Structure formats: structure tokens, C-alpha cells
Amino acid sequence: MPVSALATALAAAQQPAQPERPAAAAPKPAAPVVHGQPLVDTVWQLAALNASTQTPVPSTIMMLDTRKNELVGMSSDTRFKAQYTIDAGNLRFTQIATNRASSEITPFETALLNALSQTTDWRITDHTLTLLNQDKVLATLTVAGK
């Protein structure tokens, strides 16, 4: 499936937009950019999941959407989402949810969701996003289509 079709599928997976915030709301800080690659509003494709022994890694894409401070993603037939916060260089995912019943989630999907819930830090090098728990690598993603 082309990257544009995946991005369209991600957009379709998102819930309707929340009502606009009141004018008095504080502006959001600028999105983090490292080596010319923004962390947010970029479609990332999973390259490696360190808690999973499954190879090849199932097709998994995700994007941190600045409009809702929400991570949206898809792995095989499972859509997932989470709220995210970036604070002082740290990255955290909360309120992680999928469209599948827990009895149907595969071991790979469980490992992916656990990696997201354990993420505390991140780094980008050469169009590669690494999700970390302190110094432990949890997952590696690349810019989709690159």
C-alpha cells in the first residue's frame, strides 16, 4: 500500500475533531525537529520492536498528530491511538487504546503497546526515530516511504 494511502487510512481512523479551544488557551510549543526531521506530523514505519522476536516485523505505521496531541497508528488490521506529551525532551504515551478486544490482540501487538506505554525518551538520527525507556531501546521507526 503506498504511503499516501496509509496516511489517508490513518486520517480516517481518527475520531472527529474536538471543538476548538477557547482563544484564551496557551499556544502549543513548537514541534521538536531533529536533523531536519520533525517528530510530529510525520508518518513513521516500524522497523524493529525489541520485545518481539517476530521477523519480519508486521507492517506498522504511526503518526503523532499535533492537532489532537494524539498518536494514531495501524498494525496489520489493528488500529491504535494514544495521547502523547512532550515535556523537556521526554516523550510519554497515555490512554493507549485499540479497536480490538484484548482476547484478539497478538503477542506482537501486545509488545508494541507495551513499548509505547514504557516510552520515556526519544531520539531522531538520519530519518530514524528511536523510542527509549531511559537508555533502553524499545522500538525503531523510519520515515515511511524513505
N, C-alpha and C. Protein backbone atom coordinates (compact mmCIF):
# COMPACT_ATOMS: atom_id res chain seq x y z
N MET A 1 0.85 -1.17 0.00
CA MET A 1 0.00 0.00 0.00
C MET A 1 0.90 1.24 0.00
N PRO A 2 0.66 2.19 -0.91
CA PRO A 2 1.50 3.40 -0.96
C PRO A 2 1.39 4.20 0.34
N VAL A 3 2.44 4.97 0.63
CA VAL A 3 2.46 5.78 1.85
C VAL A 3 1.28 6.73 1.89
N SER A 4 0.91 7.33 0.74
CA SER A 4 -0.23 8.26 0.74
C SER A 4 -1.51 7.55 1.14
N ALA A 5 -1.69 6.30 0.72
CA ALA A 5 -2.87 5.54 1.11
C ALA A 5 -2.84 5.23 2.60
N LEU A 6 -1.65 4.94 3.14
CA LEU A 6 -1.52 4.68 4.57
C LEU A 6 -1.84 5.93 5.37
N ALA A 7 -1.34 7.08 4.91
CA ALA A 7 -1.63 8.33 5.60
C ALA A 7 -3.13 8.62 5.57
N THR A 8 -3.79 8.33 4.43
CA THR A 8 -5.23 8.52 4.33
C THR A 8 -5.96 7.58 5.29
N ALA A 9 -5.48 6.33 5.39
CA ALA A 9 -6.09 5.38 6.32
C ALA A 9 -5.94 5.84 7.75
N LEU A 10 -4.77 6.40 8.09
CA LEU A 10 -4.58 6.94 9.44
C LEU A 10 -5.54 8.08 9.71
N ALA A 11 -5.68 8.98 8.75
CA ALA A 11 -6.59 10.12 8.93
C ALA A 11 -8.02 9.63 9.12
N ALA A 12 -8.41 8.59 8.38
CA ALA A 12 -9.76 8.05 8.51
C ALA A 12 -9.98 7.39 9.86
N ALA A 13 -8.91 6.88 10.46
CA ALA A 13 -9.01 6.20 11.76
C ALA A 13 -9.21 7.18 12.90
N GLN A 14 -8.93 8.44 12.67
CA GLN A 14 -9.06 9.42 13.74
C GLN A 14 -10.52 9.75 13.99
N GLN A 15 -10.82 10.07 15.22
CA GLN A 15 -12.18 10.45 15.58
C GLN A 15 -12.43 11.87 15.08
N PRO A 16 -13.70 12.29 15.00
CA PRO A 16 -13.99 13.66 14.59
C PRO A 16 -13.25 14.66 15.47
N ALA A 17 -12.92 15.79 14.89
CA ALA A 17 -12.14 16.81 15.59
C ALA A 17 -12.88 17.31 16.83
N GLN A 18 -12.12 17.59 17.87
CA GLN A 18 -12.66 18.17 19.09
C GLN A 18 -13.03 19.63 18.80
N PRO A 19 -13.96 20.19 19.56
CA PRO A 19 -14.28 21.60 19.37
C PRO A 19 -13.03 22.46 19.58
N GLU A 20 -12.98 23.58 18.90
CA GLU A 20 -11.85 24.50 19.01
C GLU A 20 -11.65 24.91 20.46
N ARG A 21 -10.40 25.10 20.86
CA ARG A 21 -10.10 25.58 22.22
C ARG A 21 -10.44 27.06 22.30
N PRO A 22 -10.79 27.52 23.48
CA PRO A 22 -11.08 28.94 23.63
C PRO A 22 -9.85 29.77 23.29
N ALA A 23 -10.07 31.00 22.86
CA ALA A 23 -8.98 31.88 22.46
C ALA A 23 -7.98 32.11 23.58
N ALA A 24 -8.40 31.94 24.83
CA ALA A 24 -7.51 32.20 25.96
C ALA A 24 -6.51 31.07 26.21
N ALA A 25 -6.63 29.93 25.48
CA ALA A 25 -5.73 28.81 25.71
C ALA A 25 -4.30 29.20 25.32
N ALA A 26 -3.35 28.67 26.08
CA ALA A 26 -1.94 28.97 25.81
C ALA A 26 -1.51 28.31 24.51
N PRO A 27 -0.65 28.96 23.73
CA PRO A 27 -0.20 28.35 22.48
C PRO A 27 0.67 27.13 22.77
N LYS A 28 0.62 26.15 21.85
CA LYS A 28 1.45 24.96 21.99
C LYS A 28 2.89 25.32 21.66
N PRO A 29 3.85 24.68 22.33
CA PRO A 29 5.25 24.91 21.98
C PRO A 29 5.53 24.37 20.58
N ALA A 30 6.58 24.88 19.95
CA ALA A 30 6.95 24.42 18.62
C ALA A 30 7.25 22.93 18.65
N ALA A 31 6.90 22.24 17.56
CA ALA A 31 7.14 20.81 17.46
C ALA A 31 8.63 20.53 17.40
N PRO A 32 9.08 19.47 18.09
CA PRO A 32 10.51 19.14 18.07
C PRO A 32 10.96 18.72 16.66
N VAL A 33 12.10 19.22 16.23
CA VAL A 33 12.69 18.86 14.95
C VAL A 33 14.15 18.50 15.21
N VAL A 34 14.56 17.35 14.74
CA VAL A 34 15.94 16.90 14.92
C VAL A 34 16.49 16.50 13.56
N HIS A 35 17.65 17.01 13.21
CA HIS A 35 18.29 16.70 11.92
C HIS A 35 17.32 16.94 10.77
N GLY A 36 16.52 18.01 10.86
CA GLY A 36 15.60 18.35 9.79
C GLY A 36 14.35 17.50 9.72
N GLN A 37 14.20 16.53 10.62
CA GLN A 37 13.04 15.64 10.59
C GLN A 37 12.16 15.91 11.80
N PRO A 38 10.91 16.34 11.59
CA PRO A 38 10.04 16.57 12.74
C PRO A 38 9.57 15.27 13.37
N LEU A 39 9.49 15.26 14.69
CA LEU A 39 8.96 14.12 15.42
C LEU A 39 7.47 13.96 15.13
N VAL A 40 6.76 15.08 15.13
CA VAL A 40 5.31 15.06 14.97
C VAL A 40 4.92 15.32 13.52
N ASP A 41 3.70 14.90 13.18
CA ASP A 41 3.13 15.08 11.84
C ASP A 41 3.99 14.44 10.75
N THR A 42 4.71 13.38 11.10
CA THR A 42 5.48 12.57 10.17
C THR A 42 4.95 11.15 10.27
N VAL A 43 4.75 10.48 9.16
CA VAL A 43 4.31 9.08 9.19
C VAL A 43 5.56 8.22 9.39
N TRP A 44 5.56 7.47 10.49
CA TRP A 44 6.68 6.61 10.86
C TRP A 44 6.30 5.16 10.63
N GLN A 45 7.23 4.37 10.10
CA GLN A 45 7.02 2.94 9.89
C GLN A 45 7.93 2.16 10.83
N LEU A 46 7.35 1.20 11.53
CA LEU A 46 8.11 0.40 12.49
C LEU A 46 9.15 -0.44 11.75
N ALA A 47 10.40 -0.34 12.18
CA ALA A 47 11.49 -1.13 11.60
C ALA A 47 11.88 -2.28 12.52
N ALA A 48 11.85 -2.03 13.83
CA ALA A 48 12.21 -3.07 14.80
C ALA A 48 11.50 -2.81 16.11
N LEU A 49 11.06 -3.89 16.72
CA LEU A 49 10.43 -3.85 18.05
C LEU A 49 11.24 -4.79 18.92
N ASN A 50 11.96 -4.23 19.85
CA ASN A 50 12.95 -5.01 20.58
C ASN A 50 12.36 -6.09 21.47
N ALA A 51 11.10 -5.98 21.90
CA ALA A 51 10.50 -7.01 22.74
C ALA A 51 9.89 -8.13 21.92
N SER A 52 9.93 -8.01 20.59
CA SER A 52 9.32 -9.02 19.74
C SER A 52 10.39 -9.79 18.98
N THR A 53 10.21 -11.09 18.91
CA THR A 53 11.13 -11.92 18.14
C THR A 53 10.57 -12.17 16.74
N GLN A 54 9.40 -11.61 16.45
CA GLN A 54 8.77 -11.84 15.16
C GLN A 54 9.52 -11.10 14.07
N THR A 55 9.92 -11.84 13.04
CA THR A 55 10.53 -11.23 11.87
C THR A 55 9.90 -11.84 10.63
N PRO A 56 9.63 -11.10 9.60
CA PRO A 56 9.78 -9.64 9.61
C PRO A 56 8.73 -8.99 10.49
N VAL A 57 9.00 -7.77 10.86
CA VAL A 57 8.06 -7.01 11.69
C VAL A 57 6.80 -6.74 10.84
N PRO A 58 5.61 -7.02 11.37
CA PRO A 58 4.39 -6.72 10.61
C PRO A 58 4.33 -5.24 10.24
N SER A 59 3.72 -4.96 9.10
CA SER A 59 3.60 -3.58 8.64
C SER A 59 2.87 -2.75 9.69
N THR A 60 3.58 -1.77 10.24
CA THR A 60 3.04 -0.94 11.31
C THR A 60 3.45 0.50 11.04
N ILE A 61 2.46 1.40 11.00
CA ILE A 61 2.76 2.81 10.81
C ILE A 61 2.10 3.60 11.93
N MET A 62 2.66 4.78 12.21
CA MET A 62 2.07 5.64 13.23
C MET A 62 2.48 7.08 12.97
N MET A 63 1.71 8.00 13.54
CA MET A 63 1.98 9.42 13.40
C MET A 63 1.54 10.13 14.67
N LEU A 64 2.34 11.07 15.14
CA LEU A 64 1.97 11.92 16.26
C LEU A 64 1.29 13.15 15.67
N ASP A 65 -0.01 13.25 15.87
CA ASP A 65 -0.84 14.30 15.29
C ASP A 65 -0.90 15.50 16.23
N THR A 66 -0.33 16.63 15.81
CA THR A 66 -0.29 17.82 16.67
C THR A 66 -1.66 18.44 16.87
N ARG A 67 -2.59 18.20 15.95
CA ARG A 67 -3.92 18.80 16.11
C ARG A 67 -4.62 18.32 17.37
N LYS A 68 -4.37 17.06 17.76
CA LYS A 68 -5.06 16.47 18.91
C LYS A 68 -4.12 16.00 20.01
N ASN A 69 -2.80 16.22 19.82
CA ASN A 69 -1.81 15.62 20.73
C ASN A 69 -2.07 14.13 20.87
N GLU A 70 -2.25 13.48 19.71
CA GLU A 70 -2.64 12.08 19.69
C GLU A 70 -1.74 11.29 18.75
N LEU A 71 -1.31 10.14 19.19
CA LEU A 71 -0.64 9.18 18.34
C LEU A 71 -1.72 8.34 17.69
N VAL A 72 -1.67 8.19 16.37
CA VAL A 72 -2.59 7.31 15.66
C VAL A 72 -1.74 6.33 14.87
N GLY A 73 -2.18 5.09 14.80
CA GLY A 73 -1.39 4.11 14.08
C GLY A 73 -2.19 2.90 13.67
N MET A 74 -1.53 2.05 12.87
CA MET A 74 -2.16 0.85 12.38
C MET A 74 -1.09 -0.23 12.25
N SER A 75 -1.41 -1.43 12.74
CA SER A 75 -0.55 -2.59 12.61
C SER A 75 -1.41 -3.73 12.11
N SER A 76 -1.13 -4.20 10.91
CA SER A 76 -1.97 -5.21 10.27
C SER A 76 -3.41 -4.69 10.25
N ASP A 77 -4.33 -5.39 10.91
CA ASP A 77 -5.73 -4.96 10.92
C ASP A 77 -6.10 -4.17 12.17
N THR A 78 -5.15 -3.91 13.04
CA THR A 78 -5.43 -3.25 14.31
C THR A 78 -5.07 -1.78 14.25
N ARG A 79 -6.03 -0.94 14.57
CA ARG A 79 -5.76 0.49 14.72
C ARG A 79 -5.53 0.75 16.20
N PHE A 80 -4.63 1.71 16.47
CA PHE A 80 -4.38 2.07 17.86
C PHE A 80 -4.19 3.58 17.95
N LYS A 81 -4.39 4.09 19.16
CA LYS A 81 -4.19 5.51 19.38
C LYS A 81 -3.79 5.71 20.84
N ALA A 82 -3.23 6.87 21.11
CA ALA A 82 -2.82 7.22 22.47
C ALA A 82 -2.67 8.73 22.53
N GLN A 83 -2.79 9.27 23.70
CA GLN A 83 -2.44 10.68 23.91
C GLN A 83 -0.94 10.74 24.13
N TYR A 84 -0.30 11.82 23.70
CA TYR A 84 1.13 11.95 23.96
C TYR A 84 1.45 13.30 24.55
N THR A 85 2.54 13.35 25.30
CA THR A 85 3.07 14.60 25.82
C THR A 85 4.57 14.62 25.56
N ILE A 86 5.04 15.79 25.21
CA ILE A 86 6.47 16.02 25.05
C ILE A 86 6.80 17.13 26.03
N ASP A 87 7.63 16.81 27.01
CA ASP A 87 7.95 17.76 28.05
C ASP A 87 9.43 17.68 28.36
N ALA A 88 10.14 18.77 28.19
CA ALA A 88 11.58 18.83 28.48
C ALA A 88 12.34 17.72 27.75
N GLY A 89 11.93 17.45 26.51
CA GLY A 89 12.62 16.44 25.72
C GLY A 89 12.15 15.02 25.96
N ASN A 90 11.28 14.81 26.94
CA ASN A 90 10.75 13.47 27.22
C ASN A 90 9.47 13.25 26.43
N LEU A 91 9.20 12.01 26.10
CA LEU A 91 8.01 11.64 25.34
C LEU A 91 7.27 10.56 26.12
N ARG A 92 5.97 10.77 26.33
CA ARG A 92 5.17 9.79 27.05
C ARG A 92 3.85 9.57 26.31
N PHE A 93 3.42 8.30 26.31
CA PHE A 93 2.13 7.94 25.72
C PHE A 93 1.21 7.46 26.83
N THR A 94 -0.02 7.95 26.84
CA THR A 94 -1.02 7.56 27.83
C THR A 94 -2.33 7.27 27.12
N GLN A 95 -3.27 6.70 27.82
CA GLN A 95 -4.60 6.40 27.30
C GLN A 95 -4.51 5.63 25.98
N ILE A 96 -3.69 4.59 25.99
CA ILE A 96 -3.48 3.76 24.79
C ILE A 96 -4.71 2.88 24.59
N ALA A 97 -5.21 2.85 23.35
CA ALA A 97 -6.41 2.07 23.04
C ALA A 97 -6.28 1.46 21.65
N THR A 98 -6.98 0.33 21.45
CA THR A 98 -7.04 -0.32 20.14
C THR A 98 -8.47 -0.56 19.76
N ASN A 99 -8.68 -0.98 18.51
CA ASN A 99 -10.03 -1.31 18.06
C ASN A 99 -10.32 -2.81 18.17
N ARG A 100 -9.45 -3.55 18.87
CA ARG A 100 -9.64 -4.99 19.01
C ARG A 100 -9.88 -5.36 20.47
N ALA A 101 -10.65 -6.44 20.67
CA ALA A 101 -10.85 -6.96 22.03
C ALA A 101 -9.53 -7.54 22.51
N SER A 102 -9.27 -7.45 23.81
CA SER A 102 -7.98 -7.90 24.34
C SER A 102 -7.70 -9.37 24.03
N SER A 103 -8.73 -10.19 23.91
CA SER A 103 -8.52 -11.60 23.62
C SER A 103 -8.02 -11.83 22.20
N GLU A 104 -8.15 -10.83 21.34
CA GLU A 104 -7.74 -10.97 19.95
C GLU A 104 -6.39 -10.34 19.66
N ILE A 105 -5.80 -9.64 20.61
CA ILE A 105 -4.54 -8.96 20.37
C ILE A 105 -3.41 -9.98 20.32
N THR A 106 -2.58 -9.88 19.28
CA THR A 106 -1.49 -10.83 19.09
C THR A 106 -0.33 -10.51 20.04
N PRO A 107 0.58 -11.46 20.24
CA PRO A 107 1.75 -11.17 21.07
C PRO A 107 2.56 -9.98 20.53
N PHE A 108 2.66 -9.86 19.21
CA PHE A 108 3.38 -8.72 18.63
C PHE A 108 2.69 -7.41 19.01
N GLU A 109 1.36 -7.35 18.86
CA GLU A 109 0.63 -6.12 19.20
C GLU A 109 0.76 -5.80 20.68
N THR A 110 0.74 -6.83 21.52
CA THR A 110 0.93 -6.61 22.96
C THR A 110 2.30 -6.00 23.22
N ALA A 111 3.34 -6.53 22.56
CA ALA A 111 4.70 -5.99 22.72
C ALA A 111 4.77 -4.55 22.23
N LEU A 112 4.09 -4.24 21.13
CA LEU A 112 4.07 -2.87 20.61
C LEU A 112 3.40 -1.91 21.59
N LEU A 113 2.24 -2.29 22.10
CA LEU A 113 1.52 -1.44 23.05
C LEU A 113 2.31 -1.27 24.34
N ASN A 114 2.98 -2.32 24.78
CA ASN A 114 3.84 -2.21 25.97
C ASN A 114 5.00 -1.27 25.72
N ALA A 115 5.61 -1.34 24.53
CA ALA A 115 6.71 -0.43 24.21
C ALA A 115 6.24 1.02 24.25
N LEU A 116 5.06 1.29 23.71
CA LEU A 116 4.53 2.65 23.75
C LEU A 116 4.31 3.10 25.19
N SER A 117 3.72 2.23 26.01
CA SER A 117 3.42 2.62 27.39
C SER A 117 4.69 2.81 28.23
N GLN A 118 5.79 2.19 27.83
CA GLN A 118 7.05 2.30 28.58
C GLN A 118 7.96 3.41 28.05
N THR A 119 7.58 4.06 26.95
CA THR A 119 8.43 5.10 26.35
C THR A 119 8.55 6.30 27.28
N THR A 120 9.79 6.74 27.48
CA THR A 120 10.05 7.94 28.28
C THR A 120 10.87 8.97 27.49
N ASP A 121 11.61 8.50 26.50
CA ASP A 121 12.52 9.37 25.75
C ASP A 121 12.50 8.98 24.28
N TRP A 122 13.12 9.80 23.47
CA TRP A 122 13.20 9.54 22.04
C TRP A 122 14.43 10.23 21.47
N ARG A 123 14.82 9.77 20.26
CA ARG A 123 15.86 10.47 19.52
C ARG A 123 15.63 10.20 18.03
N ILE A 124 16.07 11.14 17.20
CA ILE A 124 16.00 11.00 15.75
C ILE A 124 17.40 11.15 15.21
N THR A 125 17.81 10.19 14.40
CA THR A 125 19.09 10.22 13.71
C THR A 125 18.88 9.70 12.30
N ASP A 126 19.27 10.48 11.30
CA ASP A 126 19.17 10.03 9.90
C ASP A 126 17.80 9.46 9.55
N HIS A 127 16.74 10.20 9.81
CA HIS A 127 15.37 9.81 9.49
C HIS A 127 14.92 8.54 10.22
N THR A 128 15.56 8.24 11.34
CA THR A 128 15.19 7.08 12.16
C THR A 128 14.82 7.57 13.55
N LEU A 129 13.61 7.21 13.99
CA LEU A 129 13.12 7.55 15.32
C LEU A 129 13.33 6.35 16.23
N THR A 130 13.95 6.58 17.36
CA THR A 130 14.15 5.53 18.36
C THR A 130 13.35 5.89 19.60
N LEU A 131 12.49 4.98 20.03
CA LEU A 131 11.72 5.16 21.26
C LEU A 131 12.50 4.46 22.38
N LEU A 132 12.67 5.16 23.49
CA LEU A 132 13.52 4.68 24.58
C LEU A 132 12.80 4.70 25.91
N ASN A 133 13.25 3.84 26.80
CA ASN A 133 12.93 3.94 28.22
C ASN A 133 14.26 4.18 28.89
N GLN A 134 14.52 5.44 29.19
CA GLN A 134 15.83 5.91 29.62
C GLN A 134 16.83 5.56 28.52
N ASP A 135 17.77 4.62 28.73
CA ASP A 135 18.74 4.26 27.69
C ASP A 135 18.38 2.97 26.96
N LYS A 136 17.31 2.31 27.35
CA LYS A 136 16.92 1.05 26.73
C LYS A 136 16.08 1.31 25.47
N VAL A 137 16.52 0.75 24.34
CA VAL A 137 15.80 0.91 23.08
C VAL A 137 14.56 0.01 23.10
N LEU A 138 13.39 0.63 22.86
CA LEU A 138 12.13 -0.13 22.84
C LEU A 138 11.68 -0.42 21.41
N ALA A 139 11.85 0.57 20.52
CA ALA A 139 11.41 0.40 19.13
C ALA A 139 12.19 1.36 18.25
N THR A 140 12.32 0.97 16.98
CA THR A 140 12.98 1.80 15.99
C THR A 140 12.03 1.97 14.82
N LEU A 141 11.85 3.21 14.38
CA LEU A 141 10.96 3.51 13.27
C LEU A 141 11.70 4.35 12.24
N THR A 142 11.27 4.24 10.99
CA THR A 142 11.86 5.06 9.93
C THR A 142 10.75 5.88 9.29
N VAL A 143 11.13 6.96 8.61
CA VAL A 143 10.14 7.76 7.91
C VAL A 143 9.54 6.89 6.80
N ALA A 144 8.22 6.77 6.80
CA ALA A 144 7.54 5.93 5.80
C ALA A 144 7.83 6.47 4.40
N GLY A 145 8.14 5.58 3.50
CA GLY A 145 8.38 5.96 2.12
C GLY A 145 9.81 6.34 1.83
N LYS A 146 10.69 6.33 2.83
CA LYS A 146 12.10 6.68 2.60
C LYS A 146 12.92 5.44 2.44
